[in-house]
C-alpha atoms as a PDB file:
ATOM      1  CA  MET A   1      18.667 -28.031  -2.634  1.00  0.00           C
ATOM      2  CA  ALA A   2      19.431 -28.273   1.076  1.00  0.00           C
ATOM      3  CA  ARG A   3      16.709 -29.909   3.094  1.00  0.00           C
ATOM      4  CA  GLU A   4      14.122 -27.736   4.782  1.00  0.00           C
ATOM      5  CA  LEU A   5      14.543 -27.503   8.562  1.00  0.00           C
ATOM      6  CA  SER A   6      12.101 -26.756  11.316  1.00  0.00           C
ATOM      7  CA  PRO A   7      12.743 -23.477  13.156  1.00  0.00           C
ATOM      8  CA  GLU A   8      13.738 -25.467  16.242  1.00  0.00           C
ATOM      9  CA  GLN A   9      16.267 -27.504  14.258  1.00  0.00           C
ATOM     10  CA  LEU A  10      17.775 -24.375  12.749  1.00  0.00           C
ATOM     11  CA  ALA A  11      17.921 -22.619  16.135  1.00  0.00           C
ATOM     12  CA  GLY A  12      19.783 -25.597  17.554  1.00  0.00           C
ATOM     13  CA  SER A  13      22.221 -25.773  14.663  1.00  0.00           C
ATOM     14  CA  VAL A  14      23.231 -22.093  14.797  1.00  0.00           C
ATOM     15  CA  ALA A  15      23.855 -22.369  18.529  1.00  0.00           C
ATOM     16  CA  ARG A  16      26.344 -25.183  17.898  1.00  0.00           C
ATOM     17  CA  GLY A  17      28.219 -24.056  14.795  1.00  0.00           C
ATOM     18  CA  VAL A  18      29.515 -21.267  12.568  1.00  0.00           C
ATOM     19  CA  LEU A  19      26.853 -19.112  10.922  1.00  0.00           C
ATOM     20  CA  ALA A  20      26.035 -19.646   7.264  1.00  0.00           C
ATOM     21  CA  PRO A  21      26.069 -16.612   4.929  1.00  0.00           C
ATOM     22  CA  VAL A  22      22.265 -16.480   4.658  1.00  0.00           C
ATOM     23  CA  TYR A  23      19.106 -17.791   6.296  1.00  0.00           C
ATOM     24  CA  LEU A  24      15.424 -17.766   5.381  1.00  0.00           C
ATOM     25  CA  VAL A  25      12.940 -18.246   8.235  1.00  0.00           C
ATOM     26  CA  ALA A  26       9.268 -17.978   7.305  1.00  0.00           C
ATOM     27  CA  GLY A  27       5.839 -19.334   8.104  1.00  0.00           C
ATOM     28  CA  ALA A  28       2.456 -18.708   9.640  1.00  0.00           C
ATOM     29  CA  GLU A  29       3.579 -19.562  13.184  1.00  0.00           C
ATOM     30  CA  THR A  30       4.895 -16.147  14.207  1.00  0.00           C
ATOM     31  CA  LEU A  31       6.280 -17.304  17.535  1.00  0.00           C
ATOM     32  CA  ARG A  32       8.422 -20.032  15.954  1.00  0.00           C
ATOM     33  CA  VAL A  33       9.742 -17.577  13.344  1.00  0.00           C
ATOM     34  CA  LEU A  34      10.551 -14.978  16.011  1.00  0.00           C
ATOM     35  CA  GLU A  35      12.327 -17.432  18.301  1.00  0.00           C
ATOM     36  CA  CYS A  36      14.374 -18.911  15.470  1.00  0.00           C
ATOM     37  CA  ALA A  37      15.374 -15.421  14.302  1.00  0.00           C
ATOM     38  CA  ASP A  38      16.317 -14.546  17.897  1.00  0.00           C
ATOM     39  CA  ALA A  39      18.544 -17.630  18.025  1.00  0.00           C
ATOM     40  CA  ILE A  40      20.322 -16.503  14.848  1.00  0.00           C
ATOM     41  CA  ARG A  41      20.777 -12.999  16.277  1.00  0.00           C
ATOM     42  CA  ALA A  42      22.202 -14.415  19.521  1.00  0.00           C
ATOM     43  CA  ALA A  43      24.628 -16.642  17.616  1.00  0.00           C
ATOM     44  CA  ALA A  44      25.646 -13.680  15.469  1.00  0.00           C
ATOM     45  CA  ARG A  45      26.453 -11.579  18.540  1.00  0.00           C
ATOM     46  CA  GLU A  46      28.527 -14.393  20.032  1.00  0.00           C
ATOM     47  CA  GLN A  47      30.459 -14.797  16.777  1.00  0.00           C
ATOM     48  CA  GLY A  48      31.365 -11.128  16.469  1.00  0.00           C
ATOM     49  CA  TYR A  49      28.624  -9.762  14.212  1.00  0.00           C
ATOM     50  CA  ALA A  50      28.546  -6.533  16.172  1.00  0.00           C
ATOM     51  CA  GLU A  51      26.707  -4.378  13.627  1.00  0.00           C
ATOM     52  CA  ARG A  52      23.062  -5.001  12.681  1.00  0.00           C
ATOM     53  CA  GLU A  53      20.892  -3.428   9.974  1.00  0.00           C
ATOM     54  CA  VAL A  54      17.191  -4.036   9.426  1.00  0.00           C
ATOM     55  CA  PHE A  55      15.302  -3.511   6.167  1.00  0.00           C
ATOM     56  CA  GLU A  56      11.511  -3.558   6.449  1.00  0.00           C
ATOM     57  CA  VAL A  57       8.604  -2.709   4.179  1.00  0.00           C
ATOM     58  CA  GLU A  58       8.255   1.076   4.043  1.00  0.00           C
ATOM     59  CA  GLY A  59       5.193   2.181   2.126  1.00  0.00           C
ATOM     60  CA  ARG A  60       4.742  -0.593  -0.422  1.00  0.00           C
ATOM     61  CA  ASP A  61       8.116  -2.324  -0.503  1.00  0.00           C
ATOM     62  CA  VAL A  62      11.572  -2.761   0.976  1.00  0.00           C
ATOM     63  CA  ASP A  63      14.301  -0.306  -0.087  1.00  0.00           C
ATOM     64  CA  TRP A  64      15.997  -2.882  -2.316  1.00  0.00           C
ATOM     65  CA  ASP A  65      18.471  -0.372  -3.735  1.00  0.00           C
ATOM     66  CA  GLY A  66      19.527   0.544  -0.213  1.00  0.00           C
ATOM     67  CA  LEU A  67      19.839  -3.116   0.730  1.00  0.00           C
ATOM     68  CA  GLU A  68      21.968  -3.894  -2.313  1.00  0.00           C
ATOM     69  CA  ALA A  69      24.244  -0.952  -1.543  1.00  0.00           C
ATOM     70  CA  SER A  70      24.594  -2.067   2.058  1.00  0.00           C
ATOM     71  CA  LEU A  71      25.392  -5.652   1.056  1.00  0.00           C
ATOM     72  CA  ARG A  72      28.189  -4.401  -1.174  1.00  0.00           C
ATOM     73  CA  ALA A  73      29.564  -1.722   1.138  1.00  0.00           C
ATOM     74  CA  PRO A  74      32.387  -2.425   3.609  1.00  0.00           C
ATOM     75  CA  SER A  75      31.473  -2.198   7.278  1.00  0.00           C
ATOM     76  CA  LEU A  76      32.319   1.123   8.910  1.00  0.00           C
ATOM     77  CA  PHE A  77      32.126   0.134  12.559  1.00  0.00           C
ATOM     78  CA  ALA A  78      32.458  -3.648  12.855  1.00  0.00           C
ATOM     79  CA  ALA A  79      34.284  -6.527  11.267  1.00  0.00           C
ATOM     80  CA  ARG A  80      31.042  -8.440  10.750  1.00  0.00           C
ATOM     81  CA  ARG A  81      27.436  -7.420  10.102  1.00  0.00           C
ATOM     82  CA  LEU A  82      24.047  -9.093  10.440  1.00  0.00           C
ATOM     83  CA  ILE A  83      21.608  -7.694   7.875  1.00  0.00           C
ATOM     84  CA  GLU A  84      17.920  -8.512   8.237  1.00  0.00           C
ATOM     85  CA  VAL A  85      15.189  -8.301   5.613  1.00  0.00           C
ATOM     86  CA  ARG A  86      11.622  -8.590   6.900  1.00  0.00           C
ATOM     87  CA  LEU A  87       8.978  -9.599   4.355  1.00  0.00           C
ATOM     88  CA  PRO A  88       5.450  -9.858   5.823  1.00  0.00           C
ATOM     89  CA  THR A  89       4.221 -11.722   2.724  1.00  0.00           C
ATOM     90  CA  SER A  90       7.493 -13.627   2.099  1.00  0.00           C
ATOM     91  CA  LYS A  91       7.461 -12.333  -1.489  1.00  0.00           C
ATOM     92  CA  PRO A  92      10.463 -10.179  -2.424  1.00  0.00           C
ATOM     93  CA  GLY A  93       9.214  -9.338  -5.913  1.00  0.00           C
ATOM     94  CA  LYS A  94      11.447  -9.293  -8.975  1.00  0.00           C
ATOM     95  CA  GLN A  95      13.956  -6.716  -7.738  1.00  0.00           C
ATOM     96  CA  GLY A  96      14.196  -8.222  -4.273  1.00  0.00           C
ATOM     97  CA  ALA A  97      14.642 -11.727  -5.671  1.00  0.00           C
ATOM     98  CA  GLU A  98      17.504 -10.487  -7.857  1.00  0.00           C
ATOM     99  CA  VAL A  99      19.209  -8.710  -4.937  1.00  0.00           C
ATOM    100  CA  ILE A 100      18.963 -11.773  -2.677  1.00  0.00           C
ATOM    101  CA  ALA A 101      20.089 -14.205  -5.387  1.00  0.00           C
ATOM    102  CA  GLY A 102      22.963 -11.877  -6.307  1.00  0.00           C
ATOM    103  CA  PHE A 103      24.163 -11.848  -2.720  1.00  0.00           C
ATOM    104  CA  CYS A 104      23.971 -15.650  -2.515  1.00  0.00           C
ATOM    105  CA  ALA A 105      26.003 -16.026  -5.715  1.00  0.00           C
ATOM    106  CA  ASP A 106      29.065 -14.523  -4.002  1.00  0.00           C
ATOM    107  CA  PRO A 107      28.413 -13.877  -0.301  1.00  0.00           C
ATOM    108  CA  PRO A 108      31.097 -11.773   1.407  1.00  0.00           C
ATOM    109  CA  PRO A 109      32.714 -13.345   4.489  1.00  0.00           C
ATOM    110  CA  ASP A 110      31.777 -10.495   6.837  1.00  0.00           C
ATOM    111  CA  ILE A 111      27.962 -10.469   6.309  1.00  0.00           C
ATOM    112  CA  CYS A 112      25.188 -12.783   7.444  1.00  0.00           C
ATOM    113  CA  LEU A 113      21.850 -12.129   5.723  1.00  0.00           C
ATOM    114  CA  LEU A 114      18.662 -13.092   7.595  1.00  0.00           C
ATOM    115  CA  VAL A 115      15.374 -13.025   5.651  1.00  0.00           C
ATOM    116  CA  THR A 116      12.172 -13.519   7.666  1.00  0.00           C
ATOM    117  CA  GLY A 117       8.623 -13.843   6.383  1.00  0.00           C
ATOM    118  CA  GLY A 118       5.154 -13.958   7.854  1.00  0.00           C
ATOM    119  CA  GLU A 119       3.691 -16.404   5.360  1.00  0.00           C
ATOM    120  CA  TRP A 120       4.964 -19.401   3.441  1.00  0.00           C
ATOM    121  CA  SER A 121       3.693 -21.982   0.982  1.00  0.00           C
ATOM    122  CA  ARG A 122       5.211 -23.953  -1.864  1.00  0.00           C
ATOM    123  CA  LYS A 123       4.245 -21.085  -4.176  1.00  0.00           C
ATOM    124  CA  HIS A 124       6.356 -18.530  -2.301  1.00  0.00           C
ATOM    125  CA  GLY A 125       9.684 -20.060  -3.259  1.00  0.00           C
ATOM    126  CA  GLY A 126      11.646 -19.535  -6.442  1.00  0.00           C
ATOM    127  CA  LYS A 127      15.184 -19.068  -7.680  1.00  0.00           C
ATOM    128  CA  TRP A 128      15.845 -16.637  -4.850  1.00  0.00           C
ATOM    129  CA  SER A 129      14.970 -19.187  -2.140  1.00  0.00           C
ATOM    130  CA  GLU A 130      16.874 -21.905  -4.025  1.00  0.00           C
ATOM    131  CA  ALA A 131      19.900 -19.595  -3.967  1.00  0.00           C
ATOM    132  CA  ILE A 132      19.522 -19.233  -0.205  1.00  0.00           C
ATOM    133  CA  ALA A 133      19.284 -23.007   0.229  1.00  0.00           C
ATOM    134  CA  ALA A 134      22.427 -23.526  -1.855  1.00  0.00           C
ATOM    135  CA  VAL A 135      24.682 -21.527   0.482  1.00  0.00           C
ATOM    136  CA  GLY A 136      22.626 -21.234   3.667  1.00  0.00           C
ATOM    137  CA  ALA A 137      19.569 -22.739   5.300  1.00  0.00           C
ATOM    138  CA  ILE A 138      15.785 -22.487   5.152  1.00  0.00           C
ATOM    139  CA  ALA A 139      13.419 -23.074   8.071  1.00  0.00           C
ATOM    140  CA  VAL A 140       9.641 -23.071   7.671  1.00  0.00           C
ATOM    141  CA  ALA A 141       7.282 -22.679  10.617  1.00  0.00           C
ATOM    142  CA  TRP A 142       4.427 -24.814   9.367  1.00  0.00           C
ATOM    143  CA  PRO A 143       1.276 -24.579  11.517  1.00  0.00           C
ATOM    144  CA  VAL A 144       1.157 -26.891  14.515  1.00  0.00           C
ATOM    145  CA  LYS A 145      -1.748 -29.255  13.899  1.00  0.00           C
ATOM    146  CA  PRO A 146      -4.509 -29.460  16.538  1.00  0.00           C
ATOM    147  CA  HIS A 147      -3.498 -32.973  17.573  1.00  0.00           C
ATOM    148  CA  GLU A 148       0.110 -31.780  18.006  1.00  0.00           C
ATOM    149  CA  LEU A 149      -0.696 -28.782  20.213  1.00  0.00           C
ATOM    150  CA  GLN A 150      -0.991 -30.671  23.498  1.00  0.00           C
ATOM    151  CA  GLY A 151       2.492 -32.127  23.069  1.00  0.00           C
ATOM    152  CA  TRP A 152       3.864 -28.707  22.101  1.00  0.00           C
ATOM    153  CA  VAL A 153       2.353 -27.093  25.215  1.00  0.00           C
ATOM    154  CA  GLU A 154       3.521 -29.881  27.504  1.00  0.00           C
ATOM    155  CA  GLY A 155       7.050 -29.688  26.115  1.00  0.00           C
ATOM    156  CA  ARG A 156       7.250 -25.915  26.520  1.00  0.00           C
ATOM    157  CA  LEU A 157       5.953 -26.126  30.095  1.00  0.00           C
ATOM    158  CA  ARG A 158       8.617 -28.727  30.859  1.00  0.00           C
ATOM    159  CA  ARG A 159      11.370 -26.515  29.405  1.00  0.00           C
ATOM    160  CA  ARG A 160      10.146 -23.720  31.718  1.00  0.00           C
ATOM    161  CA  GLY A 161      10.463 -26.048  34.701  1.00  0.00           C
ATOM    162  CA  VAL A 162       6.748 -26.816  35.079  1.00  0.00           C
ATOM    163  CA  ARG A 163       5.337 -30.349  35.218  1.00  0.00           C
ATOM    164  CA  ALA A 164       1.644 -30.430  34.317  1.00  0.00           C
ATOM    165  CA  ASP A 165      -0.699 -33.401  34.193  1.00  0.00           C
ATOM    166  CA  ALA A 166      -2.809 -34.163  31.111  1.00  0.00           C
ATOM    167  CA  GLY A 167      -5.877 -32.365  32.463  1.00  0.00           C
ATOM    168  CA  ALA A 168      -3.930 -29.190  33.166  1.00  0.00           C
ATOM    169  CA  VAL A 169      -2.344 -29.225  29.722  1.00  0.00           C
ATOM    170  CA  GLN A 170      -5.743 -29.715  28.072  1.00  0.00           C
ATOM    171  CA  LEU A 171      -7.173 -26.720  29.952  1.00  0.00           C
ATOM    172  CA  LEU A 172      -4.371 -24.520  28.669  1.00  0.00           C
ATOM    173  CA  VAL A 173      -4.780 -25.847  25.120  1.00  0.00           C
ATOM    174  CA  GLU A 174      -8.472 -24.948  25.218  1.00  0.00           C
ATOM    175  CA  ARG A 175      -7.724 -21.456  26.532  1.00  0.00           C
ATOM    176  CA  VAL A 176      -5.220 -20.515  23.854  1.00  0.00           C
ATOM    177  CA  GLU A 177      -7.330 -21.916  20.983  1.00  0.00           C
ATOM    178  CA  GLY A 178      -4.374 -22.946  18.848  1.00  0.00           C
ATOM    179  CA  ASN A 179      -2.463 -19.665  19.208  1.00  0.00           C
ATOM    180  CA  LEU A 180       1.179 -20.482  19.976  1.00  0.00           C
ATOM    181  CA  LEU A 181       2.099 -16.926  20.927  1.00  0.00           C
ATOM    182  CA  ALA A 182      -0.771 -16.859  23.408  1.00  0.00           C
ATOM    183  CA  ALA A 183       0.319 -20.237  24.757  1.00  0.00           C
ATOM    184  CA  ALA A 184       3.914 -19.083  25.184  1.00  0.00           C
ATOM    185  CA  GLN A 185       2.876 -15.971  27.082  1.00  0.00           C
ATOM    186  CA  GLU A 186       0.561 -17.979  29.341  1.00  0.00           C
ATOM    187  CA  ILE A 187       3.325 -20.503  30.012  1.00  0.00           C
ATOM    188  CA  ASP A 188       5.748 -17.738  30.959  1.00  0.00           C
ATOM    189  CA  LYS A 189       3.203 -16.459  33.510  1.00  0.00           C
ATOM    190  CA  LEU A 190       2.542 -19.956  34.833  1.00  0.00           C
ATOM    191  CA  ALA A 191       6.268 -20.588  35.309  1.00  0.00           C
ATOM    192  CA  LEU A 192       6.297 -17.619  37.707  1.00  0.00           C
ATOM    193  CA  LEU A 193       3.030 -18.474  39.469  1.00  0.00           C
ATOM    194  CA  ALA A 194       3.587 -22.234  39.904  1.00  0.00           C
ATOM    195  CA  THR A 195       6.306 -21.826  42.505  1.00  0.00           C
ATOM    196  CA  ASP A 196       6.667 -25.540  43.220  1.00  0.00           C
ATOM    197  CA  GLY A 197       6.794 -26.414  39.514  1.00  0.00           C
ATOM    198  CA  THR A 198       3.772 -28.740  39.419  1.00  0.00           C
ATOM    199  CA  LEU A 199       0.248 -28.214  38.095  1.00  0.00           C
ATOM    200  CA  ASP A 200      -2.907 -30.278  38.087  1.00  0.00           C
ATOM    201  CA  ALA A 201      -6.162 -29.303  36.375  1.00  0.00           C
ATOM    202  CA  ALA A 202      -7.646 -27.521  39.406  1.00  0.00           C
ATOM    203  CA  ARG A 203      -4.544 -25.439  40.011  1.00  0.00           C
ATOM    204  CA  MET A 204      -4.195 -24.639  36.313  1.00  0.00           C
ATOM    205  CA  GLN A 205      -7.777 -23.355  36.294  1.00  0.00           C
ATOM    206  CA  ALA A 206      -7.129 -21.130  39.306  1.00  0.00           C
ATOM    207  CA  LEU A 207      -3.844 -19.729  37.995  1.00  0.00           C
ATOM    208  CA  VAL A 208      -5.207 -19.023  34.523  1.00  0.00           C
ATOM    209  CA  ALA A 209      -8.167 -17.187  36.067  1.00  0.00           C
ATOM    210  CA  ASP A 210      -5.796 -15.106  38.237  1.00  0.00           C
ATOM    211  CA  ALA A 211      -3.662 -14.204  35.216  1.00  0.00           C
ATOM    212  CA  ALA A 212      -6.551 -13.257  32.950  1.00  0.00           C
ATOM    213  CA  ARG A 213      -7.581  -9.834  34.280  1.00  0.00           C
ATOM    214  CA  TYR A 214      -5.766  -8.008  31.536  1.00  0.00           C
ATOM    215  CA  ASP A 215      -4.002  -9.787  28.714  1.00  0.00           C
ATOM    216  CA  VAL A 216      -3.057  -9.094  25.137  1.00  0.00           C
ATOM    217  CA  PHE A 217      -5.278 -11.908  23.801  1.00  0.00           C
ATOM    218  CA  HIS A 218      -8.449 -10.219  25.043  1.00  0.00           C
ATOM    219  CA  LEU A 219      -7.079  -6.826  24.016  1.00  0.00           C
ATOM    220  CA  VAL A 220      -6.862  -7.865  20.359  1.00  0.00           C
ATOM    221  CA  ASP A 221     -10.172  -9.730  20.542  1.00  0.00           C
ATOM    222  CA  ALA A 222     -11.888  -6.557  21.755  1.00  0.00           C
ATOM    223  CA  ALA A 223     -10.504  -4.547  18.827  1.00  0.00           C
ATOM    224  CA  LEU A 224     -11.557  -7.178  16.276  1.00  0.00           C
ATOM    225  CA  ASN A 225     -15.015  -7.327  17.850  1.00  0.00           C
ATOM    226  CA  GLY A 226     -15.457  -3.572  17.418  1.00  0.00           C
ATOM    227  CA  GLN A 227     -15.250  -2.877  21.160  1.00  0.00           C
ATOM    228  CA  GLY A 228     -12.993   0.149  21.046  1.00  0.00           C
ATOM    229  CA  ALA A 229     -13.734   1.495  24.518  1.00  0.00           C
ATOM    230  CA  GLN A 230     -13.086  -1.925  26.052  1.00  0.00           C
ATOM    231  CA  ALA A 231      -9.806  -2.233  24.155  1.00  0.00           C
ATOM    232  CA  VAL A 232      -8.696   1.162  25.477  1.00  0.00           C
ATOM    233  CA  ARG A 233      -9.553   0.136  29.067  1.00  0.00           C
ATOM    234  CA  MET A 234      -7.614  -3.105  28.677  1.00  0.00           C
ATOM    235  CA  LEU A 235      -4.645  -1.266  27.236  1.00  0.00           C
ATOM    236  CA  ALA A 236      -4.650   1.108  30.205  1.00  0.00           C
ATOM    237  CA  GLY A 237      -4.815  -1.898  32.542  1.00  0.00           C
ATOM    238  CA  LEU A 238      -1.851  -3.553  30.853  1.00  0.00           C
ATOM    239  CA  ARG A 239       0.124  -0.334  31.127  1.00  0.00           C
ATOM    240  CA  ALA A 240      -0.755   0.013  34.817  1.00  0.00           C
ATOM    241  CA  GLU A 241       0.384  -3.566  35.444  1.00  0.00           C
ATOM    242  CA  GLY A 242       3.812  -2.745  34.044  1.00  0.00           C
ATOM    243  CA  GLU A 243       3.586  -4.286  30.575  1.00  0.00           C
ATOM    244  CA  ALA A 244       5.743  -2.780  27.824  1.00  0.00           C
ATOM    245  CA  VAL A 245       4.508  -2.094  24.299  1.00  0.00           C
ATOM    246  CA  PRO A 246       7.153  -4.287  22.586  1.00  0.00           C
ATOM    247  CA  ALA A 247       5.878  -7.262  24.608  1.00  0.00           C
ATOM    248  CA  LEU A 248       2.355  -6.677  23.254  1.00  0.00           C
ATOM    249  CA  MET A 249       3.223  -6.102  19.617  1.00  0.00           C
ATOM    250  CA  GLY A 250       3.983  -9.709  18.676  1.00  0.00           C
ATOM    251  CA  MET A 251       0.360 -10.699  19.233  1.00  0.00           C
ATOM    252  CA  VAL A 252      -1.023  -7.474  17.734  1.00  0.00           C
ATOM    253  CA  VAL A 253       1.060  -7.814  14.561  1.00  0.00           C
ATOM    254  CA  MET A 254       0.256 -11.509  14.197  1.00  0.00           C
ATOM    255  CA  GLU A 255      -3.506 -10.966  14.447  1.00  0.00           C
ATOM    256  CA  LEU A 256      -3.435  -8.038  12.031  1.00  0.00           C
ATOM    257  CA  GLN A 257      -1.393 -10.041   9.522  1.00  0.00           C
ATOM    258  CA  ARG A 258      -3.819 -12.941   9.890  1.00  0.00           C
ATOM    259  CA  THR A 259      -6.832 -10.675   9.322  1.00  0.00           C
ATOM    260  CA  ALA A 260      -5.142  -9.001   6.346  1.00  0.00           C
ATOM    261  CA  ALA A 261      -4.608 -12.448   4.810  1.00  0.00           C
ATOM    262  CA  LEU A 262      -8.305 -13.220   5.303  1.00  0.00           C
ATOM    263  CA  ALA A 263      -9.204  -9.850   3.768  1.00  0.00           C
ATOM    264  CA  ARG A 264      -7.138 -10.626   0.671  1.00  0.00           C
ATOM    265  CA  VAL A 265      -8.980 -13.918   0.218  1.00  0.00           C
ATOM    266  CA  LYS A 266     -12.337 -12.178   0.684  1.00  0.00           C
ATOM    267  CA  ALA A 267     -11.430  -9.404  -1.772  1.00  0.00           C
ATOM    268  CA  ARG A 268     -10.646 -11.845  -4.563  1.00  0.00           C
ATOM    269  CA  GLY A 269     -13.770 -13.883  -3.883  1.00  0.00           C
ATOM    270  CA  GLY A 270     -11.892 -16.835  -2.428  1.00  0.00           C
ATOM    271  CA  ASN A 271     -13.054 -19.481   0.015  1.00  0.00           C
ATOM    272  CA  LEU A 272     -13.033 -17.845   3.449  1.00  0.00           C
ATOM    273  CA  GLY A 273     -13.997 -21.080   5.158  1.00  0.00           C
ATOM    274  CA  ALA A 274     -10.932 -22.814   3.754  1.00  0.00           C
ATOM    275  CA  GLU A 275      -8.742 -19.869   4.772  1.00  0.00           C
ATOM    276  CA  PHE A 276     -10.077 -20.014   8.339  1.00  0.00           C
ATOM    277  CA  LYS A 277      -8.962 -23.645   8.465  1.00  0.00           C
ATOM    278  CA  ALA A 278      -5.598 -22.810   6.885  1.00  0.00           C
ATOM    279  CA  GLN A 279      -5.073 -20.080   9.488  1.00  0.00           C
ATOM    280  CA  ARG A 280      -6.189 -22.522  12.227  1.00  0.00           C
ATOM    281  CA  ILE A 281      -8.876 -20.141  13.482  1.00  0.00           C
ATOM    282  CA  TRP A 282     -11.249 -21.961  15.783  1.00  0.00           C
ATOM    283  CA  ASP A 283     -14.952 -21.999  14.923  1.00  0.00           C
ATOM    284  CA  ALA A 284     -15.823 -19.990  18.035  1.00  0.00           C
ATOM    285  CA  LYS A 285     -13.680 -17.067  16.813  1.00  0.00           C
ATOM    286  CA  GLU A 286     -14.761 -16.985  13.177  1.00  0.00           C
ATOM    287  CA  ALA A 287     -17.633 -14.589  13.876  1.00  0.00           C
ATOM    288  CA  ALA A 288     -15.282 -11.948  15.302  1.00  0.00           C
ATOM    289  CA  TYR A 289     -13.064 -12.100  12.216  1.00  0.00           C
ATOM    290  CA  ARG A 290     -16.042 -11.941   9.874  1.00  0.00           C
ATOM    291  CA  ARG A 291     -17.361  -8.839  11.644  1.00  0.00           C
ATOM    292  CA  ALA A 292     -13.927  -7.251  11.414  1.00  0.00           C
ATOM    293  CA  LEU A 293     -13.685  -8.037   7.694  1.00  0.00           C
ATOM    294  CA  GLU A 294     -17.025  -6.357   7.079  1.00  0.00           C
ATOM    295  CA  ARG A 295     -15.814  -3.238   8.865  1.00  0.00           C
ATOM    296  CA  HIS A 296     -12.740  -2.541   6.698  1.00  0.00           C
ATOM    297  CA  PRO A 297     -11.595  -3.200   3.098  1.00  0.00           C
ATOM    298  CA  VAL A 298      -8.415  -5.105   2.353  1.00  0.00           C
ATOM    299  CA  ALA A 299      -6.328  -1.964   1.749  1.00  0.00           C
ATOM    300  CA  ARG A 300      -7.105  -0.748   5.232  1.00  0.00           C
ATOM    301  CA  TRP A 301      -6.035  -4.030   6.811  1.00  0.00           C
ATOM    302  CA  GLU A 302      -2.729  -3.707   4.980  1.00  0.00           C
ATOM    303  CA  ARG A 303      -2.500  -0.191   6.371  1.00  0.00           C
ATOM    304  CA  PHE A 304      -3.103  -1.511   9.878  1.00  0.00           C
ATOM    305  CA  VAL A 305      -0.223  -3.984   9.493  1.00  0.00           C
ATOM    306  CA  ALA A 306       2.076  -1.165   8.384  1.00  0.00           C
ATOM    307  CA  ALA A 307       0.881   1.015  11.284  1.00  0.00           C
ATOM    308  CA  ALA A 308       1.617  -1.795  13.729  1.00  0.00           C
ATOM    309  CA  GLY A 309       5.150  -1.946  12.360  1.00  0.00           C
ATOM    310  CA  GLU A 310       5.502   1.780  13.019  1.00  0.00           C
ATOM    311  CA  VAL A 311       4.248   1.368  16.609  1.00  0.00           C
ATOM    312  CA  ASP A 312       6.812  -1.375  17.130  1.00  0.00           C
ATOM    313  CA  ARG A 313       9.619   0.805  15.739  1.00  0.00           C
ATOM    314  CA  VAL A 314       8.678   3.699  18.029  1.00  0.00           C
ATOM    315  CA  ALA A 315       8.439   1.357  21.024  1.00  0.00           C
ATOM    316  CA  LYS A 316      11.967   0.107  20.303  1.00  0.00           C
ATOM    317  CA  GLY A 317      13.382   3.610  20.039  1.00  0.00           C
ATOM    318  CA  ARG A 318      13.690   3.699  16.248  1.00  0.00           C
ATOM    319  CA  GLY A 319      11.016   6.352  15.695  1.00  0.00           C
ATOM    320  CA  ALA A 320       9.500   9.433  17.319  1.00  0.00           C
ATOM    321  CA  GLY A 321       6.228   9.472  19.220  1.00  0.00           C
ATOM    322  CA  ASP A 322       4.325   8.018  22.179  1.00  0.00           C
ATOM    323  CA  GLU A 323       4.049   4.262  21.603  1.00  0.00           C
ATOM    324  CA  TRP A 324       1.096   3.874  23.986  1.00  0.00           C
ATOM    325  CA  LEU A 325      -0.879   6.586  22.212  1.00  0.00           C
ATOM    326  CA  LEU A 326      -0.022   5.162  18.796  1.00  0.00           C
ATOM    327  CA  LEU A 327      -1.108   1.666  19.853  1.00  0.00           C
ATOM    328  CA  GLU A 328      -4.335   3.032  21.313  1.00  0.00           C
ATOM    329  CA  ARG A 329      -5.107   4.827  18.040  1.00  0.00           C
ATOM    330  CA  LEU A 330      -4.388   1.675  16.069  1.00  0.00           C
ATOM    331  CA  LEU A 331      -6.727  -0.438  18.218  1.00  0.00           C
ATOM    332  CA  LEU A 332      -9.475   2.197  17.974  1.00  0.00           C
ATOM    333  CA  ALA A 333      -9.060   2.277  14.193  1.00  0.00           C
ATOM    334  CA  VAL A 334      -9.386  -1.509  13.998  1.00  0.00           C
ATOM    335  CA  ALA A 335     -12.483  -1.405  16.209  1.00  0.00           C
ATOM    336  CA  ASP A 336     -14.278   1.469  14.494  1.00  0.00           C
ATOM    337  CA  ALA A 337     -14.021   2.539  10.836  1.00  0.00           C
ATOM    338  CA  ARG A 338     -14.817   6.116  11.895  1.00  0.00           C
ATOM    339  CA  ALA A 339     -11.596   6.227  13.935  1.00  0.00           C
ATOM    340  CA  VAL A 340      -9.302   5.387  10.991  1.00  0.00           C
ATOM    341  CA  PRO A 341      -8.302   9.033  10.363  1.00  0.00           C
ATOM    342  CA  LEU A 342      -6.792   9.063  13.865  1.00  0.00           C
ATOM    343  CA  LEU A 343      -3.926   6.956  12.536  1.00  0.00           C
ATOM    344  CA  ALA A 344      -2.713   9.911  10.534  1.00  0.00           C
ATOM    345  CA  ALA A 345      -3.118  12.430  13.344  1.00  0.00           C
END
């Protein structure tokens, strides 16, 4: 089997060479998965993969028959196609595993298959992932350990043209509480606000305070804490400040997937404390998750994840509706069990 890469290694390799027939990018660190997948998409565009199809979970599963037909069909509009399969649980099931392995057994020269997943462990793999490794590449976004986070933040600041001293970096690490997506969004703001490209602890504190009036981190926290009215006010503030729904959905989807994973552990009587550690949820935030888990059963959390996917599709022009209204309804449903029927309205 080909060796497992980090998402950053895979992103670098696709930027330098010809695309492989198939890639698997999965793991709990949503940001690293998203950025690696973006690098593959960018390389595909540069190499003439002008047509792109996306297969996502609809209802309970991916349309595997449709995917298989698409993999076998000649392209109608472009010489090359990028086909994406998005698996929130990274488990394709029996039919999906057979379709993916069948493609890998004889990949056509005009298709690149990209499989992304929101979770990964040694138990997720099988013959299907071995087939991917044999002709393509696998990257796993393992969680960044607490002692690694400061270096990760410092490196990302440096790549954005910002030099921060150790005190400033530590302040940012404490603010984001181990959430890489939150850290990335904060760093993007800081790169704009730190006009001279340098930050010490005092300036970091001031800039973070200025940037914190409305942000997606507090928006999701409010929903998980059952503060529906506050979440709606924050959402209105974000909209007034010019934010776009697609920019918010990465964090929303990640937190809902994380809570759904916790709900599955709770439903089967598993060790929630161990799962909090596995998900790298800081002690100070455990209470909010526990309250949220008491408010909804596991099936509803799965429904929330699916609803978030629908909001994202509408926001990107692939569905009908008002994305702001749909996101507001979703946040209200998360915050208050009595609001759940609004999702179907």
